[in-house]
Amino acid sequence: MDSMTATSPWHLDERNRAVQVDGYEWRYVDTGSSGPAIVLLPGSVGTHEVFFKQIRALGDMHRIVAATYPACETPEQVATAFVSFVRHLKLEGALVVGSSYAAYWLQIVATAHPQLARGYIFGNGFTNGAMVRNHPLFSETLIAQDADIIQRTWHEAVTRHAESELRSMQLDMLGGRQPASVLRSRLLAVIGAKDVSVLQLPAERIVVMDCADDPIITTEARDAFAKQFPGATRITLDRGGHYPHVLNPEAYNEVLQRSA
């Protein structure tokens, strides 16, 4: 497995914090700035450190809290744990941004606690597991395997990608920076995801952000996801794949600032 040095720009060891809330551990970075708060939550692969470009670019203007959520068995459990985390850090009224799997379970949060956040950005999201199960890395056969096998399969697949910053970051995460057990728990939740009740939030408090070149969420799936939120702002970036916070940070950061 590729090894990363401590100088990798996404290694935020000197800024990382950890807190136990209601029995769950959250690892996070909090820039502590006085500007409007933005909470950033990663998808299946990655810790909060995948948002290092947002922390670096926006951390002086906004209170950026990038968080790694615990390996709960169900998205409902993650959603409940997140509400407690937000209240513990006094983040009520923040803009909450979820990527991929986080964009899914944040719909549960927003439905159950409509006053918790001032707005949501659902990035590269999906409405149910059927939208991604055809992708080989999200197949039910693979995700039924032991955590180490899943992690190794993902690592081997990413290794075949062309050299890039994203590839290096993912190999780092899949090499042990993100535990295999966490990866498996998230992937199980993704492929088992069921449709969430239609949100009752005002449309102006929702932004749906996706990417035209997303290799995981198809065009049809992206359109179906956006239709869940009639009247909401939809922003489709021309590039960014499934990780626009890494691959197209300027456009991604612009959306965050405009929404905050």
C-alpha atoms as a PDB file:
ATOM      1  CA  MET A   1       0.000   0.000   0.000  1.00  0.00           C
ATOM      2  CA  ASP A   2       1.144   3.508  -0.747  1.00  0.00           C
ATOM      3  CA  SER A   3       2.271   5.400   2.325  1.00  0.00           C
ATOM      4  CA  MET A   4       1.749   9.107   2.928  1.00  0.00           C
ATOM      5  CA  THR A   5       4.124  11.332   4.804  1.00  0.00           C
ATOM      6  CA  ALA A   6       3.111  13.640   7.627  1.00  0.00           C
ATOM      7  CA  THR A   7       3.553  16.519   5.186  1.00  0.00           C
ATOM      8  CA  SER A   8       0.548  15.504   3.069  1.00  0.00           C
ATOM      9  CA  PRO A   9      -1.565  18.675   2.943  1.00  0.00           C
ATOM     10  CA  TRP A  10      -4.725  16.903   4.078  1.00  0.00           C
ATOM     11  CA  HIS A  11      -3.056  15.656   7.253  1.00  0.00           C
ATOM     12  CA  LEU A  12      -4.482  18.046   9.816  1.00  0.00           C
ATOM     13  CA  ASP A  13      -3.078  16.299  12.873  1.00  0.00           C
ATOM     14  CA  GLU A  14      -2.121  19.530  14.604  1.00  0.00           C
ATOM     15  CA  ARG A  15      -5.716  20.813  14.269  1.00  0.00           C
ATOM     16  CA  ASN A  16      -7.687  17.617  14.786  1.00  0.00           C
ATOM     17  CA  ARG A  17      -9.921  17.350  17.819  1.00  0.00           C
ATOM     18  CA  ALA A  18     -12.026  14.558  19.260  1.00  0.00           C
ATOM     19  CA  VAL A  19     -15.107  14.599  21.472  1.00  0.00           C
ATOM     20  CA  GLN A  20     -17.435  11.999  22.905  1.00  0.00           C
ATOM     21  CA  VAL A  21     -21.118  12.924  22.671  1.00  0.00           C
ATOM     22  CA  ASP A  22     -23.792  10.489  23.853  1.00  0.00           C
ATOM     23  CA  GLY A  23     -21.320   7.630  23.598  1.00  0.00           C
ATOM     24  CA  TYR A  24     -20.160   8.379  20.057  1.00  0.00           C
ATOM     25  CA  GLU A  25     -16.733   9.732  19.119  1.00  0.00           C
ATOM     26  CA  TRP A  26     -16.537  12.603  16.663  1.00  0.00           C
ATOM     27  CA  ARG A  27     -13.237  13.700  15.152  1.00  0.00           C
ATOM     28  CA  TYR A  28     -13.252  17.165  13.671  1.00  0.00           C
ATOM     29  CA  VAL A  29     -11.551  20.461  12.902  1.00  0.00           C
ATOM     30  CA  ASP A  30     -13.078  23.712  14.144  1.00  0.00           C
ATOM     31  CA  THR A  31     -11.483  26.898  12.820  1.00  0.00           C
ATOM     32  CA  GLY A  32     -13.257  28.891  15.514  1.00  0.00           C
ATOM     33  CA  SER A  33     -13.671  31.961  13.352  1.00  0.00           C
ATOM     34  CA  SER A  34     -16.385  34.497  14.103  1.00  0.00           C
ATOM     35  CA  GLY A  35     -17.989  34.363  10.638  1.00  0.00           C
ATOM     36  CA  PRO A  36     -21.090  32.317   9.755  1.00  0.00           C
ATOM     37  CA  ALA A  37     -20.655  28.644  10.609  1.00  0.00           C
ATOM     38  CA  ILE A  38     -20.421  25.947   7.940  1.00  0.00           C
ATOM     39  CA  VAL A  39     -20.426  22.244   8.863  1.00  0.00           C
ATOM     40  CA  LEU A  40     -18.824  19.878   6.333  1.00  0.00           C
ATOM     41  CA  LEU A  41     -19.463  16.113   6.312  1.00  0.00           C
ATOM     42  CA  PRO A  42     -17.726  13.557   4.038  1.00  0.00           C
ATOM     43  CA  GLY A  43     -19.094  10.625   2.068  1.00  0.00           C
ATOM     44  CA  SER A  44     -18.209   6.943   2.345  1.00  0.00           C
ATOM     45  CA  VAL A  45     -14.467   7.209   1.733  1.00  0.00           C
ATOM     46  CA  GLY A  46     -12.665   9.769   3.807  1.00  0.00           C
ATOM     47  CA  THR A  47     -12.408  11.573   7.081  1.00  0.00           C
ATOM     48  CA  HIS A  48     -13.146  15.237   7.700  1.00  0.00           C
ATOM     49  CA  GLU A  49      -9.654  15.930   6.371  1.00  0.00           C
ATOM     50  CA  VAL A  50     -10.921  15.619   2.783  1.00  0.00           C
ATOM     51  CA  PHE A  51     -12.152  19.199   3.273  1.00  0.00           C
ATOM     52  CA  PHE A  52      -8.644  20.549   3.850  1.00  0.00           C
ATOM     53  CA  LYS A  53      -8.988  22.935   0.905  1.00  0.00           C
ATOM     54  CA  GLN A  54     -12.157  24.449   2.337  1.00  0.00           C
ATOM     55  CA  ILE A  55     -10.583  24.759   5.785  1.00  0.00           C
ATOM     56  CA  ARG A  56      -7.566  26.499   4.272  1.00  0.00           C
ATOM     57  CA  ALA A  57      -9.483  28.815   1.937  1.00  0.00           C
ATOM     58  CA  LEU A  58     -12.506  29.724   4.058  1.00  0.00           C
ATOM     59  CA  GLY A  59     -11.463  29.095   7.652  1.00  0.00           C
ATOM     60  CA  ASP A  60     -10.619  32.714   8.408  1.00  0.00           C
ATOM     61  CA  MET A  61     -13.931  34.035   7.057  1.00  0.00           C
ATOM     62  CA  HIS A  62     -16.241  31.327   8.390  1.00  0.00           C
ATOM     63  CA  ARG A  63     -16.346  29.024  11.357  1.00  0.00           C
ATOM     64  CA  ILE A  64     -15.591  25.855   9.410  1.00  0.00           C
ATOM     65  CA  VAL A  65     -16.344  22.658  11.289  1.00  0.00           C
ATOM     66  CA  ALA A  66     -15.374  19.587   9.255  1.00  0.00           C
ATOM     67  CA  ALA A  67     -16.396  16.408  11.056  1.00  0.00           C
ATOM     68  CA  THR A  68     -15.934  12.648  10.795  1.00  0.00           C
ATOM     69  CA  TYR A  69     -19.147  11.022  11.960  1.00  0.00           C
ATOM     70  CA  PRO A  70     -19.140   7.735  13.897  1.00  0.00           C
ATOM     71  CA  ALA A  71     -19.645   4.281  12.383  1.00  0.00           C
ATOM     72  CA  CYS A  72     -23.298   3.857  13.317  1.00  0.00           C
ATOM     73  CA  GLU A  73     -25.272   0.856  12.098  1.00  0.00           C
ATOM     74  CA  THR A  74     -28.051   2.883  10.490  1.00  0.00           C
ATOM     75  CA  PRO A  75     -28.382   6.339   8.921  1.00  0.00           C
ATOM     76  CA  GLU A  76     -31.058   7.127  11.517  1.00  0.00           C
ATOM     77  CA  GLN A  77     -28.498   6.566  14.265  1.00  0.00           C
ATOM     78  CA  VAL A  78     -25.987   8.827  12.516  1.00  0.00           C
ATOM     79  CA  ALA A  79     -28.652  11.497  12.130  1.00  0.00           C
ATOM     80  CA  THR A  80     -29.536  11.367  15.833  1.00  0.00           C
ATOM     81  CA  ALA A  81     -25.865  11.455  16.830  1.00  0.00           C
ATOM     82  CA  PHE A  82     -25.277  14.453  14.557  1.00  0.00           C
ATOM     83  CA  VAL A  83     -28.030  16.469  16.216  1.00  0.00           C
ATOM     84  CA  SER A  84     -26.348  15.902  19.584  1.00  0.00           C
ATOM     85  CA  PHE A  85     -22.955  16.840  18.124  1.00  0.00           C
ATOM     86  CA  VAL A  86     -24.328  20.088  16.676  1.00  0.00           C
ATOM     87  CA  ARG A  87     -25.887  21.049  19.981  1.00  0.00           C
ATOM     88  CA  HIS A  88     -22.746  20.124  21.902  1.00  0.00           C
ATOM     89  CA  LEU A  89     -20.646  22.485  19.764  1.00  0.00           C
ATOM     90  CA  LYS A  90     -23.401  25.125  19.724  1.00  0.00           C
ATOM     91  CA  LEU A  91     -23.692  24.980  15.929  1.00  0.00           C
ATOM     92  CA  GLU A  92     -27.448  25.456  15.681  1.00  0.00           C
ATOM     93  CA  GLY A  93     -28.194  27.736  12.747  1.00  0.00           C
ATOM     94  CA  ALA A  94     -25.133  26.702  10.727  1.00  0.00           C
ATOM     95  CA  LEU A  95     -25.102  25.900   7.023  1.00  0.00           C
ATOM     96  CA  VAL A  96     -24.744  22.113   6.892  1.00  0.00           C
ATOM     97  CA  VAL A  97     -23.094  20.518   3.865  1.00  0.00           C
ATOM     98  CA  GLY A  98     -23.132  16.779   3.227  1.00  0.00           C
ATOM     99  CA  SER A  99     -21.319  14.855   0.528  1.00  0.00           C
ATOM    100  CA  SER A 100     -22.691  11.595  -0.930  1.00  0.00           C
ATOM    101  CA  TYR A 101     -23.709   9.361   2.005  1.00  0.00           C
ATOM    102  CA  ALA A 102     -23.805  12.381   4.331  1.00  0.00           C
ATOM    103  CA  ALA A 103     -26.146  14.092   1.844  1.00  0.00           C
ATOM    104  CA  TYR A 104     -28.438  11.097   2.298  1.00  0.00           C
ATOM    105  CA  TRP A 105     -28.641  10.952   6.089  1.00  0.00           C
ATOM    106  CA  LEU A 106     -28.812  14.740   6.377  1.00  0.00           C
ATOM    107  CA  GLN A 107     -32.243  14.480   4.758  1.00  0.00           C
ATOM    108  CA  ILE A 108     -33.309  12.548   7.854  1.00  0.00           C
ATOM    109  CA  VAL A 109     -31.886  15.271  10.083  1.00  0.00           C
ATOM    110  CA  ALA A 110     -33.594  18.046   8.149  1.00  0.00           C
ATOM    111  CA  THR A 111     -36.935  16.253   8.210  1.00  0.00           C
ATOM    112  CA  ALA A 112     -36.872  15.509  11.951  1.00  0.00           C
ATOM    113  CA  HIS A 113     -35.256  18.785  13.064  1.00  0.00           C
ATOM    114  CA  PRO A 114     -36.188  21.499  10.553  1.00  0.00           C
ATOM    115  CA  GLN A 115     -34.936  24.320  12.802  1.00  0.00           C
ATOM    116  CA  LEU A 116     -31.504  22.826  13.497  1.00  0.00           C
ATOM    117  CA  ALA A 117     -29.719  24.472  10.545  1.00  0.00           C
ATOM    118  CA  ARG A 118     -30.303  27.630   8.557  1.00  0.00           C
ATOM    119  CA  GLY A 119     -29.763  25.692   5.338  1.00  0.00           C
ATOM    120  CA  TYR A 120     -28.492  22.497   3.744  1.00  0.00           C
ATOM    121  CA  ILE A 121     -26.340  21.703   0.740  1.00  0.00           C
ATOM    122  CA  PHE A 122     -26.839  18.140  -0.467  1.00  0.00           C
ATOM    123  CA  GLY A 123     -23.788  17.374  -2.595  1.00  0.00           C
ATOM    124  CA  ASN A 124     -23.483  14.423  -4.999  1.00  0.00           C
ATOM    125  CA  GLY A 125     -26.432  12.831  -3.261  1.00  0.00           C
ATOM    126  CA  PHE A 126     -28.844   9.976  -3.880  1.00  0.00           C
ATOM    127  CA  THR A 127     -32.337   9.055  -2.729  1.00  0.00           C
ATOM    128  CA  ASN A 128     -31.845   5.311  -2.245  1.00  0.00           C
ATOM    129  CA  GLY A 129     -29.247   2.577  -2.530  1.00  0.00           C
ATOM    130  CA  ALA A 130     -30.518   1.320  -5.884  1.00  0.00           C
ATOM    131  CA  MET A 131     -28.969   4.408  -7.480  1.00  0.00           C
ATOM    132  CA  VAL A 132     -25.430   3.214  -6.745  1.00  0.00           C
ATOM    133  CA  ARG A 133     -25.606  -0.582  -6.388  1.00  0.00           C
ATOM    134  CA  ASN A 134     -24.784  -1.148 -10.072  1.00  0.00           C
ATOM    135  CA  HIS A 135     -21.345   0.385  -9.527  1.00  0.00           C
ATOM    136  CA  PRO A 136     -18.888  -2.476  -8.849  1.00  0.00           C
ATOM    137  CA  LEU A 137     -17.477  -0.843  -5.724  1.00  0.00           C
ATOM    138  CA  PHE A 138     -20.972  -0.577  -4.255  1.00  0.00           C
ATOM    139  CA  SER A 139     -22.179  -4.053  -5.210  1.00  0.00           C
ATOM    140  CA  GLU A 140     -24.063  -6.062  -2.611  1.00  0.00           C
ATOM    141  CA  THR A 141     -21.706  -8.998  -3.189  1.00  0.00           C
ATOM    142  CA  LEU A 142     -18.651  -6.921  -2.304  1.00  0.00           C
ATOM    143  CA  ILE A 143     -20.178  -5.113   0.666  1.00  0.00           C
ATOM    144  CA  ALA A 144     -21.220  -8.456   2.172  1.00  0.00           C
ATOM    145  CA  GLN A 145     -17.517  -9.329   2.550  1.00  0.00           C
ATOM    146  CA  ASP A 146     -15.325  -8.702   5.589  1.00  0.00           C
ATOM    147  CA  ALA A 147     -14.203  -5.123   6.141  1.00  0.00           C
ATOM    148  CA  ASP A 148     -10.581  -5.869   5.234  1.00  0.00           C
ATOM    149  CA  ILE A 149     -11.606  -7.415   1.899  1.00  0.00           C
ATOM    150  CA  ILE A 150     -13.757  -4.405   1.063  1.00  0.00           C
ATOM    151  CA  GLN A 151     -10.976  -1.997   1.940  1.00  0.00           C
ATOM    152  CA  ARG A 152      -8.431  -3.980  -0.077  1.00  0.00           C
ATOM    153  CA  THR A 153     -10.754  -4.131  -3.112  1.00  0.00           C
ATOM    154  CA  TRP A 154     -11.299  -0.380  -3.000  1.00  0.00           C
ATOM    155  CA  HIS A 155      -7.564   0.200  -2.567  1.00  0.00           C
ATOM    156  CA  GLU A 156      -6.746  -1.973  -5.579  1.00  0.00           C
ATOM    157  CA  ALA A 157      -9.354  -0.166  -7.697  1.00  0.00           C
ATOM    158  CA  VAL A 158      -8.044   3.285  -6.757  1.00  0.00           C
ATOM    159  CA  THR A 159      -4.456   2.174  -7.384  1.00  0.00           C
ATOM    160  CA  ARG A 160      -5.371   1.677 -11.050  1.00  0.00           C
ATOM    161  CA  HIS A 161      -6.373   5.328 -11.402  1.00  0.00           C
ATOM    162  CA  ALA A 162      -4.013   7.865 -12.921  1.00  0.00           C
ATOM    163  CA  GLU A 163      -1.745   9.745 -10.553  1.00  0.00           C
ATOM    164  CA  SER A 164      -3.577  12.638  -8.936  1.00  0.00           C
ATOM    165  CA  GLU A 165      -4.042  14.384  -5.633  1.00  0.00           C
ATOM    166  CA  LEU A 166      -7.394  12.655  -5.159  1.00  0.00           C
ATOM    167  CA  ARG A 167      -5.838   9.249  -5.825  1.00  0.00           C
ATOM    168  CA  SER A 168      -3.122   9.908  -3.231  1.00  0.00           C
ATOM    169  CA  MET A 169      -5.689  11.025  -0.675  1.00  0.00           C
ATOM    170  CA  GLN A 170      -7.922   8.019  -1.243  1.00  0.00           C
ATOM    171  CA  LEU A 171      -5.010   5.584  -1.027  1.00  0.00           C
ATOM    172  CA  ASP A 172      -4.039   7.227   2.231  1.00  0.00           C
ATOM    173  CA  MET A 173      -7.550   6.854   3.626  1.00  0.00           C
ATOM    174  CA  LEU A 174      -7.867   3.279   2.363  1.00  0.00           C
ATOM    175  CA  GLY A 175      -4.398   2.480   3.656  1.00  0.00           C
ATOM    176  CA  GLY A 176      -5.579   2.837   7.225  1.00  0.00           C
ATOM    177  CA  ARG A 177      -6.204   6.511   7.957  1.00  0.00           C
ATOM    178  CA  GLN A 178      -9.899   5.632   7.721  1.00  0.00           C
ATOM    179  CA  PRO A 179     -10.547   2.319   9.527  1.00  0.00           C
ATOM    180  CA  ALA A 180     -11.874  -0.523   7.375  1.00  0.00           C
ATOM    181  CA  SER A 181     -14.764  -1.019   9.802  1.00  0.00           C
ATOM    182  CA  VAL A 182     -15.920   2.563   9.231  1.00  0.00           C
ATOM    183  CA  LEU A 183     -15.785   2.139   5.455  1.00  0.00           C
ATOM    184  CA  ARG A 184     -17.856  -1.040   5.619  1.00  0.00           C
ATOM    185  CA  SER A 185     -20.480   0.448   7.919  1.00  0.00           C
ATOM    186  CA  ARG A 186     -20.950   3.426   5.618  1.00  0.00           C
ATOM    187  CA  LEU A 187     -21.126   1.325   2.479  1.00  0.00           C
ATOM    188  CA  LEU A 188     -23.675  -1.017   4.041  1.00  0.00           C
ATOM    189  CA  ALA A 189     -25.808   2.002   4.887  1.00  0.00           C
ATOM    190  CA  VAL A 190     -25.422   3.396   1.364  1.00  0.00           C
ATOM    191  CA  ILE A 191     -26.557   0.283  -0.505  1.00  0.00           C
ATOM    192  CA  GLY A 192     -29.377  -0.266   1.964  1.00  0.00           C
ATOM    193  CA  ALA A 193     -30.614   3.325   1.830  1.00  0.00           C
ATOM    194  CA  LYS A 194     -34.368   3.760   1.447  1.00  0.00           C
ATOM    195  CA  ASP A 195     -36.294   6.776   0.197  1.00  0.00           C
ATOM    196  CA  VAL A 196     -36.623   9.526   2.771  1.00  0.00           C
ATOM    197  CA  SER A 197     -39.916  11.337   3.289  1.00  0.00           C
ATOM    198  CA  VAL A 198     -40.181  14.564   1.291  1.00  0.00           C
ATOM    199  CA  LEU A 199     -38.685  17.424   3.275  1.00  0.00           C
ATOM    200  CA  GLN A 200     -40.955  20.148   4.586  1.00  0.00           C
ATOM    201  CA  LEU A 201     -38.176  22.739   4.582  1.00  0.00           C
ATOM    202  CA  PRO A 202     -38.666  25.922   2.577  1.00  0.00           C
ATOM    203  CA  ALA A 203     -37.059  25.511  -0.849  1.00  0.00           C
ATOM    204  CA  GLU A 204     -34.828  28.556  -0.318  1.00  0.00           C
ATOM    205  CA  ARG A 205     -33.040  26.701   2.481  1.00  0.00           C
ATOM    206  CA  ILE A 206     -31.943  23.824   0.227  1.00  0.00           C
ATOM    207  CA  VAL A 207     -29.194  23.659  -2.388  1.00  0.00           C
ATOM    208  CA  VAL A 208     -28.665  20.538  -4.476  1.00  0.00           C
ATOM    209  CA  MET A 209     -25.125  20.433  -5.845  1.00  0.00           C
ATOM    210  CA  ASP A 210     -23.928  17.789  -8.299  1.00  0.00           C
ATOM    211  CA  CYS A 211     -21.304  17.331 -10.993  1.00  0.00           C
ATOM    212  CA  ALA A 212     -21.815  16.615 -14.682  1.00  0.00           C
ATOM    213  CA  ASP A 213     -18.878  14.188 -14.665  1.00  0.00           C
ATOM    214  CA  ASP A 214     -19.785  12.220 -11.523  1.00  0.00           C
ATOM    215  CA  PRO A 215     -18.701   8.611 -12.243  1.00  0.00           C
ATOM    216  CA  ILE A 216     -20.859   7.139  -9.462  1.00  0.00           C
ATOM    217  CA  ILE A 217     -24.161   9.021  -9.573  1.00  0.00           C
ATOM    218  CA  THR A 218     -25.599   8.778 -13.088  1.00  0.00           C
ATOM    219  CA  THR A 219     -27.338  11.618 -14.893  1.00  0.00           C
ATOM    220  CA  GLU A 220     -30.702   9.933 -14.345  1.00  0.00           C
ATOM    221  CA  ALA A 221     -29.989   9.461 -10.649  1.00  0.00           C
ATOM    222  CA  ARG A 222     -28.853  13.074 -10.269  1.00  0.00           C
ATOM    223  CA  ASP A 223     -32.051  14.320 -11.896  1.00  0.00           C
ATOM    224  CA  ALA A 224     -34.183  12.044  -9.724  1.00  0.00           C
ATOM    225  CA  PHE A 225     -32.428  13.296  -6.617  1.00  0.00           C
ATOM    226  CA  ALA A 226     -32.948  16.949  -7.557  1.00  0.00           C
ATOM    227  CA  LYS A 227     -36.653  16.347  -8.204  1.00  0.00           C
ATOM    228  CA  GLN A 228     -37.053  15.433  -4.558  1.00  0.00           C
ATOM    229  CA  PHE A 229     -36.641  19.128  -3.740  1.00  0.00           C
ATOM    230  CA  PRO A 230     -38.966  21.150  -5.974  1.00  0.00           C
ATOM    231  CA  GLY A 231     -38.094  24.840  -6.002  1.00  0.00           C
ATOM    232  CA  ALA A 232     -34.693  24.322  -4.408  1.00  0.00           C
ATOM    233  CA  THR A 233     -31.567  25.769  -6.008  1.00  0.00           C
ATOM    234  CA  ARG A 234     -29.751  23.207  -8.131  1.00  0.00           C
ATOM    235  CA  ILE A 235     -26.127  23.801  -9.056  1.00  0.00           C
ATOM    236  CA  THR A 236     -24.420  21.431 -11.483  1.00  0.00           C
ATOM    237  CA  LEU A 237     -20.663  21.879 -11.690  1.00  0.00           C
ATOM    238  CA  ASP A 238     -19.115  21.039 -15.055  1.00  0.00           C
ATOM    239  CA  ARG A 239     -16.355  19.097 -13.336  1.00  0.00           C
ATOM    240  CA  GLY A 240     -15.550  17.688  -9.940  1.00  0.00           C
ATOM    241  CA  GLY A 241     -16.508  14.033 -10.278  1.00  0.00           C
ATOM    242  CA  HIS A 242     -17.783  12.652  -6.990  1.00  0.00           C
ATOM    243  CA  TYR A 243     -15.371  14.817  -4.999  1.00  0.00           C
ATOM    244  CA  PRO A 244     -15.742  18.456  -6.103  1.00  0.00           C
ATOM    245  CA  HIS A 245     -14.355  19.689  -2.781  1.00  0.00           C
ATOM    246  CA  VAL A 246     -11.046  18.173  -3.923  1.00  0.00           C
ATOM    247  CA  LEU A 247     -11.235  18.306  -7.730  1.00  0.00           C
ATOM    248  CA  ASN A 248     -12.952  21.665  -8.226  1.00  0.00           C
ATOM    249  CA  PRO A 249     -12.468  23.538  -4.945  1.00  0.00           C
ATOM    250  CA  GLU A 250     -12.798  27.044  -6.376  1.00  0.00           C
ATOM    251  CA  ALA A 251     -16.321  26.397  -7.683  1.00  0.00           C
ATOM    252  CA  TYR A 252     -17.234  24.350  -4.613  1.00  0.00           C
ATOM    253  CA  ASN A 253     -16.047  27.060  -2.244  1.00  0.00           C
ATOM    254  CA  GLU A 254     -17.971  29.679  -4.199  1.00  0.00           C
ATOM    255  CA  VAL A 255     -21.177  27.720  -3.668  1.00  0.00           C
ATOM    256  CA  LEU A 256     -20.458  27.495   0.060  1.00  0.00           C
ATOM    257  CA  GLN A 257     -19.828  31.202   0.396  1.00  0.00           C
ATOM    258  CA  ARG A 258     -22.875  32.161  -1.648  1.00  0.00           C
ATOM    259  CA  SER A 259     -25.070  29.852   0.458  1.00  0.00           C
ATOM    260  CA  ALA A 260     -23.648  30.820   3.831  1.00  0.00           C
END
